[in-house]
C-alpha atoms as a PDB file:
ATOM      1  CA  MET A   1       0.005  -0.001  -0.008  1.00  0.00           C
ATOM      2  CA  ALA A   2       2.910   2.332   0.755  1.00  0.00           C
ATOM      3  CA  THR A   3       4.310   1.706  -2.707  1.00  0.00           C
ATOM      4  CA  ALA A   4       0.900   2.445  -4.302  1.00  0.00           C
ATOM      5  CA  MET A   5       0.406   5.623  -2.350  1.00  0.00           C
ATOM      6  CA  LEU A   6       3.987   6.741  -3.175  1.00  0.00           C
ATOM      7  CA  SER A   7       3.256   6.273  -6.899  1.00  0.00           C
ATOM      8  CA  LEU A   8       0.204   8.507  -6.588  1.00  0.00           C
ATOM      9  CA  VAL A   9       2.223  11.179  -4.806  1.00  0.00           C
ATOM     10  CA  LEU A  10       4.914  11.033  -7.496  1.00  0.00           C
ATOM     11  CA  GLU A  11       2.272  11.320 -10.139  1.00  0.00           C
ATOM     12  CA  ASP A  12       1.055  14.572  -8.507  1.00  0.00           C
ATOM     13  CA  LEU A  13       4.633  15.860  -8.175  1.00  0.00           C
ATOM     14  CA  LEU A  14       5.389  15.042 -11.814  1.00  0.00           C
ATOM     15  CA  PRO A  15       2.287  15.948 -13.780  1.00  0.00           C
ATOM     16  CA  LYS A  16       2.232  15.424 -17.510  1.00  0.00           C
ATOM     17  CA  GLY A  17       2.942  18.433 -19.662  1.00  0.00           C
ATOM     18  CA  ASP A  18       0.220  17.178 -22.026  1.00  0.00           C
ATOM     19  CA  PRO A  19      -2.646  15.328 -20.273  1.00  0.00           C
ATOM     20  CA  GLN A  20      -3.415  13.515 -23.557  1.00  0.00           C
ATOM     21  CA  ALA A  21       0.139  12.231 -24.065  1.00  0.00           C
ATOM     22  CA  LEU A  22       0.720   8.467 -23.580  1.00  0.00           C
ATOM     23  CA  LEU A  23       4.422   8.909 -22.612  1.00  0.00           C
ATOM     24  CA  ASP A  24       6.019  11.784 -20.687  1.00  0.00           C
ATOM     25  CA  LEU A  25       9.736  12.213 -21.409  1.00  0.00           C
ATOM     26  CA  LYS A  26      10.377  13.854 -18.029  1.00  0.00           C
ATOM     27  CA  ARG A  27       8.971  10.876 -16.183  1.00  0.00           C
ATOM     28  CA  LEU A  28      10.896   8.494 -18.409  1.00  0.00           C
ATOM     29  CA  GLY A  29      14.158  10.348 -17.818  1.00  0.00           C
ATOM     30  CA  ILE A  30      13.701  10.214 -14.032  1.00  0.00           C
ATOM     31  CA  LEU A  31      12.898   6.487 -14.271  1.00  0.00           C
ATOM     32  CA  LEU A  32      16.078   5.794 -16.212  1.00  0.00           C
ATOM     33  CA  ALA A  33      18.108   7.838 -13.755  1.00  0.00           C
ATOM     34  CA  VAL A  34      16.697   5.923 -10.801  1.00  0.00           C
ATOM     35  CA  LEU A  35      17.380   2.579 -12.494  1.00  0.00           C
ATOM     36  CA  LEU A  36      21.006   3.561 -13.157  1.00  0.00           C
ATOM     37  CA  PHE A  37      21.397   4.641  -9.556  1.00  0.00           C
ATOM     38  CA  ALA A  38      19.911   1.382  -8.299  1.00  0.00           C
ATOM     39  CA  GLY A  39      22.196  -0.631 -10.642  1.00  0.00           C
ATOM     40  CA  GLY A  40      25.228   1.340  -9.438  1.00  0.00           C
ATOM     41  CA  ALA A  41      24.244   0.678  -5.825  1.00  0.00           C
ATOM     42  CA  VAL A  42      23.903  -3.071  -6.453  1.00  0.00           C
ATOM     43  CA  TRP A  43      27.271  -3.154  -8.222  1.00  0.00           C
ATOM     44  CA  LEU A  44      28.919  -1.194  -5.436  1.00  0.00           C
ATOM     45  CA  ARG A  45      27.459  -3.542  -2.787  1.00  0.00           C
ATOM     46  CA  TYR A  46      28.707  -6.566  -4.720  1.00  0.00           C
ATOM     47  CA  GLY A  47      32.197  -5.059  -5.036  1.00  0.00           C
ATOM     48  CA  VAL A  48      32.280  -4.182  -1.309  1.00  0.00           C
ATOM     49  CA  ARG A  49      31.216  -7.700  -0.254  1.00  0.00           C
ATOM     50  CA  GLN A  50      33.728  -9.315  -2.630  1.00  0.00           C
ATOM     51  CA  THR A  51      36.449  -7.190  -1.108  1.00  0.00           C
ATOM     52  CA  SER A  52      35.345  -7.508   2.521  1.00  0.00           C
ATOM     53  CA  GLY A  53      32.724 -10.150   3.153  1.00  0.00           C
ATOM     54  CA  THR A  54      32.789 -12.196   6.396  1.00  0.00           C
ATOM     55  CA  LEU A  55      35.778 -12.707   8.683  1.00  0.00           C
ATOM     56  CA  PHE A  56      36.037 -16.034  10.461  1.00  0.00           C
ATOM     57  CA  SER A  57      38.294 -15.710  13.541  1.00  0.00           C
ATOM     58  CA  VAL A  58      39.329 -19.236  14.589  1.00  0.00           C
ATOM     59  CA  GLN A  59      41.530 -19.464  17.637  1.00  0.00           C
ATOM     60  CA  VAL A  60      42.531 -22.650  19.559  1.00  0.00           C
ATOM     61  CA  LEU A  61      45.294 -22.125  22.122  1.00  0.00           C
ATOM     62  CA  ASP A  62      46.491 -23.470  25.444  1.00  0.00           C
ATOM     63  CA  GLU A  63      45.301 -21.523  28.483  1.00  0.00           C
ATOM     64  CA  GLY A  64      48.817 -20.487  29.326  1.00  0.00           C
ATOM     65  CA  MET A  65      49.751 -19.266  25.817  1.00  0.00           C
ATOM     66  CA  ARG A  66      49.937 -15.705  24.677  1.00  0.00           C
ATOM     67  CA  ASP A  67      47.913 -14.398  21.746  1.00  0.00           C
ATOM     68  CA  ARG A  68      50.664 -12.568  19.910  1.00  0.00           C
ATOM     69  CA  THR A  69      48.169 -10.755  17.685  1.00  0.00           C
ATOM     70  CA  GLN A  70      47.154  -8.691  20.737  1.00  0.00           C
ATOM     71  CA  GLU A  71      50.411  -7.622  22.267  1.00  0.00           C
ATOM     72  CA  GLN A  72      52.251  -4.338  22.702  1.00  0.00           C
ATOM     73  CA  GLY A  73      49.112  -2.280  22.590  1.00  0.00           C
ATOM     74  CA  ARG A  74      47.864  -3.598  19.233  1.00  0.00           C
ATOM     75  CA  ASN A  75      44.958  -5.812  18.215  1.00  0.00           C
ATOM     76  CA  SER A  76      45.557  -7.199  14.761  1.00  0.00           C
ATOM     77  CA  ARG A  77      42.274  -9.105  14.780  1.00  0.00           C
ATOM     78  CA  ALA A  78      40.259  -6.003  15.530  1.00  0.00           C
ATOM     79  CA  VAL A  79      41.951  -4.160  12.712  1.00  0.00           C
ATOM     80  CA  ALA A  80      41.150  -7.001  10.300  1.00  0.00           C
ATOM     81  CA  ALA A  81      37.506  -7.096  11.517  1.00  0.00           C
ATOM     82  CA  LYS A  82      37.037  -3.464  10.591  1.00  0.00           C
ATOM     83  CA  LYS A  83      37.818  -4.305   6.982  1.00  0.00           C
ATOM     84  CA  HIS A  84      34.951  -6.781   6.750  1.00  0.00           C
ATOM     85  CA  MET A  85      31.161  -6.511   6.703  1.00  0.00           C
ATOM     86  CA  SER A  86      30.711  -9.048   9.509  1.00  0.00           C
ATOM     87  CA  ILE A  87      32.694 -11.344  11.795  1.00  0.00           C
ATOM     88  CA  ARG A  88      32.127 -14.847  13.094  1.00  0.00           C
ATOM     89  CA  VAL A  89      34.163 -15.872  16.172  1.00  0.00           C
ATOM     90  CA  LEU A  90      35.278 -19.359  17.188  1.00  0.00           C
ATOM     91  CA  HIS A  91      37.673 -19.210  20.131  1.00  0.00           C
ATOM     92  CA  ARG A  92      38.724 -22.166  22.313  1.00  0.00           C
ATOM     93  CA  TRP A  93      41.100 -22.214  25.251  1.00  0.00           C
ATOM     94  CA  LEU A  94      42.399 -25.694  26.130  1.00  0.00           C
ATOM     95  CA  ASP A  95      44.569 -27.153  28.883  1.00  0.00           C
ATOM     96  CA  PHE A  96      47.266 -29.168  27.190  1.00  0.00           C
ATOM     97  CA  GLU A  97      48.569 -30.585  30.528  1.00  0.00           C
ATOM     98  CA  THR A  98      45.304 -32.289  31.446  1.00  0.00           C
ATOM     99  CA  CYS A  99      44.999 -33.636  27.861  1.00  0.00           C
ATOM    100  CA  THR A 100      48.425 -35.322  28.011  1.00  0.00           C
ATOM    101  CA  ALA A 101      48.573 -39.076  28.595  1.00  0.00           C
ATOM    102  CA  ASN A 102      50.829 -41.855  27.317  1.00  0.00           C
ATOM    103  CA  ASP A 103      53.301 -39.279  26.031  1.00  0.00           C
ATOM    104  CA  VAL A 104      50.689 -37.774  23.696  1.00  0.00           C
ATOM    105  CA  ILE A 105      48.779 -34.445  23.852  1.00  0.00           C
ATOM    106  CA  ASP A 106      45.329 -35.746  22.856  1.00  0.00           C
ATOM    107  CA  LEU A 107      43.270 -32.848  21.361  1.00  0.00           C
ATOM    108  CA  GLU A 108      41.355 -34.927  18.826  1.00  0.00           C
ATOM    109  CA  ALA A 109      37.935 -34.304  20.378  1.00  0.00           C
ATOM    110  CA  ASP A 110      38.599 -30.539  20.724  1.00  0.00           C
ATOM    111  CA  CYS A 111      39.768 -30.247  17.135  1.00  0.00           C
ATOM    112  CA  ARG A 112      36.795 -32.190  15.895  1.00  0.00           C
ATOM    113  CA  GLU A 113      34.432 -29.938  17.830  1.00  0.00           C
ATOM    114  CA  ALA A 114      36.115 -26.782  16.579  1.00  0.00           C
ATOM    115  CA  GLY A 115      36.049 -28.082  13.007  1.00  0.00           C
ATOM    116  CA  ALA A 116      32.363 -28.926  13.241  1.00  0.00           C
ATOM    117  CA  GLN A 117      31.555 -25.476  14.635  1.00  0.00           C
ATOM    118  CA  LEU A 118      33.564 -23.869  11.817  1.00  0.00           C
ATOM    119  CA  GLN A 119      31.562 -25.843   9.263  1.00  0.00           C
ATOM    120  CA  LEU A 120      28.330 -24.658  10.900  1.00  0.00           C
ATOM    121  CA  LEU A 121      29.422 -21.037  10.861  1.00  0.00           C
ATOM    122  CA  VAL A 122      30.455 -21.187   7.206  1.00  0.00           C
ATOM    123  CA  ASN A 123      27.294 -23.026   6.106  1.00  0.00           C
ATOM    124  CA  THR A 124      25.010 -20.549   7.880  1.00  0.00           C
ATOM    125  CA  THR A 125      26.787 -17.398   6.591  1.00  0.00           C
ATOM    126  CA  PRO A 126      25.310 -15.640   3.492  1.00  0.00           C
ATOM    127  CA  ASP A 127      27.230 -16.750   0.447  1.00  0.00           C
ATOM    128  CA  ASP A 128      27.391 -13.363  -1.274  1.00  0.00           C
ATOM    129  CA  GLY A 129      30.864 -12.274  -0.342  1.00  0.00           C
ATOM    130  CA  LYS A 130      34.403 -13.405   0.389  1.00  0.00           C
ATOM    131  CA  HIS A 131      34.923 -15.668   3.390  1.00  0.00           C
ATOM    132  CA  SER A 132      38.201 -14.745   5.103  1.00  0.00           C
ATOM    133  CA  VAL A 133      39.665 -17.174   7.678  1.00  0.00           C
ATOM    134  CA  VAL A 134      42.062 -15.982  10.411  1.00  0.00           C
ATOM    135  CA  PRO A 135      43.605 -18.965  12.159  1.00  0.00           C
ATOM    136  CA  VAL A 136      45.418 -18.353  15.470  1.00  0.00           C
ATOM    137  CA  MET A 137      46.645 -21.776  16.667  1.00  0.00           C
ATOM    138  CA  LEU A 138      49.582 -24.154  16.679  1.00  0.00           C
ATOM    139  CA  TRP A 139      50.450 -25.748  13.397  1.00  0.00           C
ATOM    140  CA  PRO A 140      49.184 -29.342  14.226  1.00  0.00           C
ATOM    141  CA  ILE A 141      45.844 -27.903  15.323  1.00  0.00           C
ATOM    142  CA  ALA A 142      45.685 -25.637  12.234  1.00  0.00           C
ATOM    143  CA  MET A 143      46.196 -28.652   9.970  1.00  0.00           C
ATOM    144  CA  ALA A 144      43.410 -30.554  11.756  1.00  0.00           C
ATOM    145  CA  VAL A 145      40.830 -27.790  11.899  1.00  0.00           C
ATOM    146  CA  GLY A 146      41.668 -26.720   8.338  1.00  0.00           C
ATOM    147  CA  GLY A 147      40.614 -30.172   7.160  1.00  0.00           C
ATOM    148  CA  TYR A 148      37.031 -29.435   8.192  1.00  0.00           C
ATOM    149  CA  LEU A 149      36.655 -26.343   6.035  1.00  0.00           C
ATOM    150  CA  PRO A 150      34.057 -27.005   3.293  1.00  0.00           C
ATOM    151  CA  ALA A 151      35.407 -27.554  -0.210  1.00  0.00           C
ATOM    152  CA  ARG A 152      34.479 -24.197  -1.779  1.00  0.00           C
ATOM    153  CA  THR A 153      37.783 -22.753  -2.903  1.00  0.00           C
ATOM    154  CA  HIS A 154      36.419 -19.724  -4.781  1.00  0.00           C
ATOM    155  CA  ASP A 155      35.042 -18.221  -1.536  1.00  0.00           C
ATOM    156  CA  PHE A 156      37.835 -18.623   0.959  1.00  0.00           C
ATOM    157  CA  ARG A 157      40.759 -16.312   1.660  1.00  0.00           C
ATOM    158  CA  MET A 158      43.436 -16.916   4.290  1.00  0.00           C
ATOM    159  CA  VAL A 159      44.520 -14.020   6.445  1.00  0.00           C
ATOM    160  CA  GLU A 160      47.881 -14.002   8.254  1.00  0.00           C
ATOM    161  CA  LEU A 161      47.741 -11.508  11.085  1.00  0.00           C
ATOM    162  CA  PRO A 162      50.890  -9.582  12.046  1.00  0.00           C
ATOM    163  CA  THR A 163      52.503 -10.478  15.356  1.00  0.00           C
ATOM    164  CA  GLN A 164      55.393  -7.982  15.380  1.00  0.00           C
ATOM    165  CA  PRO A 165      55.420  -4.149  15.193  1.00  0.00           C
ATOM    166  CA  GLY A 166      55.811  -2.913  11.639  1.00  0.00           C
ATOM    167  CA  GLU A 167      54.442  -6.059   9.999  1.00  0.00           C
ATOM    168  CA  LYS A 168      51.429  -5.959   7.730  1.00  0.00           C
ATOM    169  CA  GLU A 169      48.487  -8.286   7.306  1.00  0.00           C
ATOM    170  CA  GLN A 170      48.967 -10.757   4.441  1.00  0.00           C
ATOM    171  CA  GLN A 171      46.218 -12.522   2.484  1.00  0.00           C
ATOM    172  CA  PHE A 172      45.949 -15.203  -0.166  1.00  0.00           C
ATOM    173  CA  GLU A 173      43.227 -17.161  -1.869  1.00  0.00           C
ATOM    174  CA  LEU A 174      42.911 -20.713  -0.606  1.00  0.00           C
ATOM    175  CA  PRO A 175      44.469 -22.722  -3.404  1.00  0.00           C
ATOM    176  CA  LEU A 176      43.420 -26.175  -4.605  1.00  0.00           C
ATOM    177  CA  LEU A 177      46.069 -28.380  -6.202  1.00  0.00           C
ATOM    178  CA  LEU A 178      44.500 -31.389  -7.886  1.00  0.00           C
ATOM    179  CA  GLU A 179      46.162 -34.728  -7.187  1.00  0.00           C
ATOM    180  CA  LYS A 180      47.027 -35.189 -10.829  1.00  0.00           C
ATOM    181  CA  ASP A 181      48.817 -31.829 -10.828  1.00  0.00           C
ATOM    182  CA  LEU A 182      50.931 -32.478  -7.752  1.00  0.00           C
ATOM    183  CA  PRO A 183      54.638 -32.227  -8.568  1.00  0.00           C
ATOM    184  CA  LYS A 184      57.019 -35.051  -7.866  1.00  0.00           C
ATOM    185  CA  LEU A 185      58.766 -35.301  -4.506  1.00  0.00           C
ATOM    186  CA  ALA A 186      61.454 -32.631  -4.354  1.00  0.00           C
ATOM    187  CA  ALA A 187      62.861 -33.208  -0.856  1.00  0.00           C
ATOM    188  CA  HIS A 188      65.741 -35.737  -0.855  1.00  0.00           C
ATOM    189  CA  GLU A 189      66.073 -38.681   1.442  1.00  0.00           C
ATOM    190  CA  GLU A 190      68.817 -38.357   4.090  1.00  0.00           C
ATOM    191  CA  LEU A 191      69.799 -41.354   6.195  1.00  0.00           C
ATOM    192  CA  VAL A 192      70.130 -40.857   9.967  1.00  0.00           C
ATOM    193  CA  GLU A 193      73.369 -42.552  11.046  1.00  0.00           C
ATOM    194  CA  ASP A 194      73.274 -44.951  14.012  1.00  0.00           C
ATOM    195  CA  SER A 195      69.462 -44.893  14.118  1.00  0.00           C
ATOM    196  CA  THR A 196      67.846 -48.070  15.432  1.00  0.00           C
ATOM    197  CA  GLY A 197      64.306 -47.064  14.435  1.00  0.00           C
ATOM    198  CA  GLU A 198      62.365 -47.488  11.220  1.00  0.00           C
ATOM    199  CA  ARG A 199      60.319 -44.282  11.175  1.00  0.00           C
ATOM    200  CA  ILE A 200      60.300 -41.626   8.452  1.00  0.00           C
ATOM    201  CA  GLY A 201      61.068 -38.036   9.573  1.00  0.00           C
ATOM    202  CA  VAL A 202      60.018 -34.728   8.045  1.00  0.00           C
ATOM    203  CA  HIS A 203      61.346 -31.327   9.005  1.00  0.00           C
ATOM    204  CA  ILE A 204      59.287 -28.373   7.735  1.00  0.00           C
ATOM    205  CA  GLY A 205      61.182 -25.100   8.314  1.00  0.00           C
ATOM    206  CA  LEU A 206      59.341 -22.125   6.880  1.00  0.00           C
ATOM    207  CA  ALA A 207      59.748 -19.569   9.629  1.00  0.00           C
ATOM    208  CA  LYS A 208      62.205 -18.656  12.335  1.00  0.00           C
ATOM    209  CA  PHE A 209      62.729 -22.030  13.865  1.00  0.00           C
ATOM    210  CA  SER A 210      65.061 -23.079  16.640  1.00  0.00           C
ATOM    211  CA  ASP A 211      68.500 -22.894  15.082  1.00  0.00           C
ATOM    212  CA  GLN A 212      69.465 -25.611  17.555  1.00  0.00           C
ATOM    213  CA  PHE A 213      66.892 -27.958  15.983  1.00  0.00           C
ATOM    214  CA  TYR A 214      68.136 -27.243  12.513  1.00  0.00           C
ATOM    215  CA  ARG A 215      71.740 -27.884  13.420  1.00  0.00           C
ATOM    216  CA  HIS A 216      70.937 -30.996  15.391  1.00  0.00           C
ATOM    217  CA  ARG A 217      67.915 -32.292  13.481  1.00  0.00           C
ATOM    218  CA  PHE A 218      69.629 -35.626  12.764  1.00  0.00           C
ATOM    219  CA  ARG A 219      70.121 -36.197  16.496  1.00  0.00           C
ATOM    220  CA  HIS A 220      66.506 -35.253  17.145  1.00  0.00           C
ATOM    221  CA  PHE A 221      65.370 -37.691  14.422  1.00  0.00           C
ATOM    222  CA  ARG A 222      67.643 -40.387  15.859  1.00  0.00           C
ATOM    223  CA  ALA A 223      66.073 -39.886  19.274  1.00  0.00           C
ATOM    224  CA  ALA A 224      62.628 -40.229  17.651  1.00  0.00           C
ATOM    225  CA  GLY A 225      63.578 -43.517  16.004  1.00  0.00           C
ATOM    226  CA  VAL A 226      63.815 -42.066  12.524  1.00  0.00           C
ATOM    227  CA  ARG A 227      66.001 -43.791   9.899  1.00  0.00           C
ATOM    228  CA  THR A 228      65.175 -41.622   6.875  1.00  0.00           C
ATOM    229  CA  CYS A 229      64.424 -37.879   6.998  1.00  0.00           C
ATOM    230  CA  TYR A 230      63.242 -35.203   4.595  1.00  0.00           C
ATOM    231  CA  THR A 231      63.636 -31.437   4.892  1.00  0.00           C
ATOM    232  CA  ILE A 232      60.956 -29.202   3.377  1.00  0.00           C
ATOM    233  CA  SER A 233      62.385 -25.733   2.863  1.00  0.00           C
ATOM    234  CA  GLU A 234      63.724 -23.487   0.099  1.00  0.00           C
ATOM    235  CA  LEU A 235      65.190 -21.043   2.583  1.00  0.00           C
ATOM    236  CA  ASP A 236      67.958 -22.821   4.466  1.00  0.00           C
ATOM    237  CA  ASP A 237      69.658 -19.519   5.315  1.00  0.00           C
ATOM    238  CA  ILE A 238      66.575 -18.481   7.276  1.00  0.00           C
ATOM    239  CA  LEU A 239      66.598 -21.668   9.311  1.00  0.00           C
ATOM    240  CA  ILE A 240      70.050 -21.092  10.758  1.00  0.00           C
ATOM    241  CA  SER A 241      69.641 -17.365  11.424  1.00  0.00           C
ATOM    242  CA  GLU A 242      69.136 -16.377  15.041  1.00  0.00           C
ATOM    243  CA  ASN A 243      67.835 -12.856  14.606  1.00  0.00           C
ATOM    244  CA  TYR A 244      66.105 -12.717  11.244  1.00  0.00           C
ATOM    245  CA  ARG A 245      62.399 -13.434  11.209  1.00  0.00           C
ATOM    246  CA  PRO A 246      61.055 -13.952   7.681  1.00  0.00           C
ATOM    247  CA  VAL A 247      57.863 -12.158   6.723  1.00  0.00           C
ATOM    248  CA  PHE A 248      56.207 -13.754   3.702  1.00  0.00           C
ATOM    249  CA  THR A 249      53.921 -11.965   1.306  1.00  0.00           C
ATOM    250  CA  GLY A 250      50.445 -13.341   0.507  1.00  0.00           C
ATOM    251  CA  GLU A 251      51.623 -14.852  -2.755  1.00  0.00           C
ATOM    252  CA  GLU A 252      54.587 -16.481  -1.025  1.00  0.00           C
ATOM    253  CA  LEU A 253      52.292 -17.957   1.625  1.00  0.00           C
ATOM    254  CA  LYS A 254      50.119 -19.362  -1.084  1.00  0.00           C
ATOM    255  CA  GLN A 255      53.121 -20.977  -2.807  1.00  0.00           C
ATOM    256  CA  LEU A 256      54.404 -22.390   0.532  1.00  0.00           C
ATOM    257  CA  SER A 257      51.046 -24.033   1.270  1.00  0.00           C
ATOM    258  CA  ARG A 258      51.205 -25.763  -2.106  1.00  0.00           C
ATOM    259  CA  LEU A 259      54.799 -26.826  -1.417  1.00  0.00           C
ATOM    260  CA  VAL A 260      53.975 -28.274   2.012  1.00  0.00           C
ATOM    261  CA  THR A 261      50.881 -30.076   0.643  1.00  0.00           C
ATOM    262  CA  ALA A 262      52.698 -31.623  -2.273  1.00  0.00           C
ATOM    263  CA  GLU A 263      55.744 -32.723  -0.275  1.00  0.00           C
ATOM    264  CA  LEU A 264      53.734 -34.236   2.613  1.00  0.00           C
ATOM    265  CA  PHE A 265      51.449 -36.055   0.199  1.00  0.00           C
ATOM    266  CA  ARG A 266      54.321 -37.489  -1.822  1.00  0.00           C
ATOM    267  CA  ILE A 267      56.287 -38.570   1.237  1.00  0.00           C
ATOM    268  CA  LYS A 268      53.238 -40.349   2.640  1.00  0.00           C
ATOM    269  CA  GLU A 269      52.546 -41.881  -0.742  1.00  0.00           C
ATOM    270  CA  LYS A 270      56.143 -43.164  -0.922  1.00  0.00           C
ATOM    271  CA  HIS A 271      56.043 -44.572   2.634  1.00  0.00           C
ATOM    272  CA  PRO A 272      52.362 -45.563   3.139  1.00  0.00           C
ATOM    273  CA  ASP A 273      52.955 -48.214   5.817  1.00  0.00           C
ATOM    274  CA  ASP A 274      55.769 -46.480   7.741  1.00  0.00           C
ATOM    275  CA  GLU A 275      55.291 -44.271  10.780  1.00  0.00           C
ATOM    276  CA  LEU A 276      55.783 -40.583   9.915  1.00  0.00           C
ATOM    277  CA  VAL A 277      57.292 -38.092  12.417  1.00  0.00           C
ATOM    278  CA  VAL A 278      56.827 -34.442  11.517  1.00  0.00           C
ATOM    279  CA  PHE A 279      58.759 -31.571  13.166  1.00  0.00           C
ATOM    280  CA  ALA A 280      57.644 -28.207  11.884  1.00  0.00           C
ATOM    281  CA  ASN A 281      57.447 -24.478  12.296  1.00  0.00           C
ATOM    282  CA  MET A 282      55.463 -22.709   9.623  1.00  0.00           C
ATOM    283  CA  PRO A 283      52.915 -19.899   9.359  1.00  0.00           C
ATOM    284  CA  LYS A 284      49.522 -20.933  10.712  1.00  0.00           C
ATOM    285  CA  THR A 285      47.777 -19.998   7.478  1.00  0.00           C
ATOM    286  CA  VAL A 286      50.124 -22.338   5.547  1.00  0.00           C
ATOM    287  CA  ALA A 287      49.416 -25.209   7.983  1.00  0.00           C
ATOM    288  CA  PHE A 288      45.662 -24.507   7.795  1.00  0.00           C
ATOM    289  CA  ALA A 289      45.655 -24.459   4.005  1.00  0.00           C
ATOM    290  CA  ALA A 290      47.837 -27.582   3.769  1.00  0.00           C
ATOM    291  CA  GLY A 291      45.511 -29.425   6.186  1.00  0.00           C
ATOM    292  CA  TRP A 292      42.543 -28.491   4.033  1.00  0.00           C
ATOM    293  CA  GLN A 293      44.150 -29.559   0.813  1.00  0.00           C
ATOM    294  CA  LEU A 294      45.369 -32.917   2.175  1.00  0.00           C
ATOM    295  CA  MET A 295      41.828 -33.840   3.114  1.00  0.00           C
ATOM    296  CA  GLN A 296      40.642 -33.203  -0.447  1.00  0.00           C
ATOM    297  CA  TYR A 297      42.707 -36.191  -1.676  1.00  0.00           C
ATOM    298  CA  ARG A 298      40.775 -38.709   0.490  1.00  0.00           C
ATOM    299  CA  ARG A 299      43.951 -40.408   1.658  1.00  0.00           C
ATOM    300  CA  SER A 300      44.845 -41.512   5.148  1.00  0.00           C
ATOM    301  CA  PHE A 301      47.596 -39.016   5.729  1.00  0.00           C
ATOM    302  CA  TYR A 302      47.227 -38.944   9.561  1.00  0.00           C
ATOM    303  CA  ARG A 303      47.302 -42.690   9.990  1.00  0.00           C
ATOM    304  CA  ASN A 304      50.585 -43.636  11.792  1.00  0.00           C
ATOM    305  CA  THR A 305      51.622 -39.968  11.671  1.00  0.00           C
ATOM    306  CA  TYR A 306      53.126 -38.066  14.644  1.00  0.00           C
ATOM    307  CA  LEU A 307      52.905 -34.297  14.636  1.00  0.00           C
ATOM    308  CA  MET A 308      55.534 -33.105  17.127  1.00  0.00           C
ATOM    309  CA  HIS A 309      54.767 -30.091  19.328  1.00  0.00           C
ATOM    310  CA  TYR A 310      57.543 -28.264  21.169  1.00  0.00           C
ATOM    311  CA  ASP A 311      56.773 -27.698  24.833  1.00  0.00           C
ATOM    312  CA  SER A 312      58.936 -24.749  25.918  1.00  0.00           C
ATOM    313  CA  GLY A 313      58.273 -25.411  29.595  1.00  0.00           C
ATOM    314  CA  THR A 314      59.866 -28.873  29.554  1.00  0.00           C
ATOM    315  CA  GLU A 315      62.026 -28.256  26.435  1.00  0.00           C
ATOM    316  CA  THR A 316      60.729 -31.442  24.856  1.00  0.00           C
ATOM    317  CA  TYR A 317      58.963 -32.430  21.660  1.00  0.00           C
ATOM    318  CA  ILE A 318      55.829 -34.454  22.218  1.00  0.00           C
ATOM    319  CA  PRO A 319      53.336 -35.811  19.659  1.00  0.00           C
ATOM    320  CA  MET A 320      50.007 -33.953  19.395  1.00  0.00           C
ATOM    321  CA  ARG A 321      47.028 -36.063  18.452  1.00  0.00           C
ATOM    322  CA  VAL A 322      44.526 -34.010  16.433  1.00  0.00           C
ATOM    323  CA  ARG A 323      42.840 -36.648  14.255  1.00  0.00           C
ATOM    324  CA  SER A 324      41.267 -39.920  15.308  1.00  0.00           C
ATOM    325  CA  SER A 325      43.519 -41.969  12.980  1.00  0.00           C
ATOM    326  CA  GLN A 326      46.699 -40.876  14.753  1.00  0.00           C
ATOM    327  CA  PRO A 327      48.426 -43.113  17.292  1.00  0.00           C
ATOM    328  CA  MET A 328      47.144 -42.822  20.894  1.00  0.00           C
ATOM    329  CA  THR A 329      50.574 -43.500  22.429  1.00  0.00           C
ATOM    330  CA  GLY A 330      53.741 -41.676  21.650  1.00  0.00           C
ATOM    331  CA  PHE A 331      57.221 -40.624  22.844  1.00  0.00           C
ATOM    332  CA  THR A 332      59.112 -37.501  23.810  1.00  0.00           C
ATOM    333  CA  VAL A 333      62.292 -35.987  22.375  1.00  0.00           C
ATOM    334  CA  ARG A 334      64.328 -33.626  24.536  1.00  0.00           C
ATOM    335  CA  GLN A 335      65.616 -30.482  22.880  1.00  0.00           C
ATOM    336  CA  ILE A 336      69.305 -30.872  22.109  1.00  0.00           C
ATOM    337  CA  ARG A 337      71.555 -27.893  22.746  1.00  0.00           C
ATOM    338  CA  GLY A 338      75.224 -27.319  22.096  1.00  0.00           C
ATOM    339  CA  GLY A 339      77.833 -29.655  20.699  1.00  0.00           C
ATOM    340  CA  ALA A 340      78.380 -30.761  17.095  1.00  0.00           C
ATOM    341  CA  ALA A 341      75.508 -32.452  15.311  1.00  0.00           C
END
């Protein structure tokens, strides 16, 4: 009724110059102008939503850990939220100590619950804009939760929040590398001398890692019962630097996620029945994207796979169980310092 009454009012405001005329050019011109304005508004709204859209803040941390995105008077997440039309929040604080048994930090149920909630949030969010995901979690958890993200690559964008003053937020589209397009295994096998175990080891070093681990990785692998190890990194000079912290661009993060996915898949494909031990330090967005991509191949990557978490309090590496197919018992490896590797 309001629309009908408005049309009558407009008719009174815009009377015909000639009452006998079937078409009034003034009215027609105003109609065309209004249609152009409405079309421009729709186009602008589409552009804004494609640029901003919805931000999914996904955080899973231990109760005693610091959220480095909110230190030194800054709040990187709040800054990112202001760039989006809306925000969905999924934050979990866990107690790793009470979840530890049989030399394994068992977070499988928590990761499954967080992944299911993320699926629910994504599926109930209007699908008319970009979906940006901000993961704040340890790399094993990021791989696990990332595997629950729905397979809609054209909508998702990964956001790496800055954790140091002067850094900028980095973004990249969630890539999908088809299994037939995966490159061959690039990391070379290295035998661990004097090892009595039969496990396969992987060292992923894509950020400022402990230089002690890099220098003594063979001794760490030997302690973990690894006989053959692989190193996934194109930046060895970064791994052994004590003071330099690499800051990757969005495009570099995208390429690194593809690299990690391809290498892990090929290593598991080459050693399907062996136990895999993974030591890693990589950007959380890379781990999240790699975990999502690995689940698209419908292979049992996590079966017989140990994802090693470094506990700074005890200075030990301990397996973190984040998927139900992972072993329920594990082992610990003490951080090795000093001496020649």
